[in-house]
């Protein structure tokens, strides 16, 4: 009897009317928005980190550093959901904009603030002598950062960066508030048809868990490879 009930519930939640496709379509949207946000977050975060660390070390970029501090304070001090709603209903409220772009920008700008502080901490952890050594070899500021400082800083902050990306994947679950069909929204649609919360929500949770486990596996492999390269 129990097995028959499980089969019936599984059929009603996923097979009937191809309801599993809501989860598949939602997963596609989640991955696209996450990838977009990761790119925006990395570019913005590294730029802000370089400006702030350069100011901390040499006093350069005073105005840009002040702008970056305001950006970090505002973004880290307000909820992600509010930022998403402002991006959709205020900034792009009067124009027709693809929701994926809106969500990617909102999550990317939010993630960029955290990436910036992660990367800045990695840069500041590198001994000042490394910078001086680069300059003594005739490298300019950009070359010193690109060839000497950033590779070492990246190794130091890799686990924290991957953790930030894991958080970002889970944060995209609120994209449904601006009408996007993501993984969570797909589960809620199934629930609205079957009046059964257990199966669709457990399925969504399992998919999120699989994504996180995959990222963690990739991070561990990359860390081991970096440590192996250091010993050579």
Foldseek 3Di string as FASTA:
>chain_A
DVVVVVVVVCCLLAVVVNLVVLLVVQAVLLVLLLVLLLVLLVVLQVVLLVLCLCCVVPVPPPVVVVVLVVLLCVLVVDDLLVLLCCLDCPVCVVDDDDLSVSSSVSSNSSNNSVSNVLLNVLLVVDDPVQLVVCVVVVDDPVCSCVPTRNVRSCLVRVVVSLVSSLVSSVVCLSSCVNPDSHNNNSLVVSCVRVVDNPVSVVVSVVVSVVVSVVSVVVSVVVNVVVVVVVVD
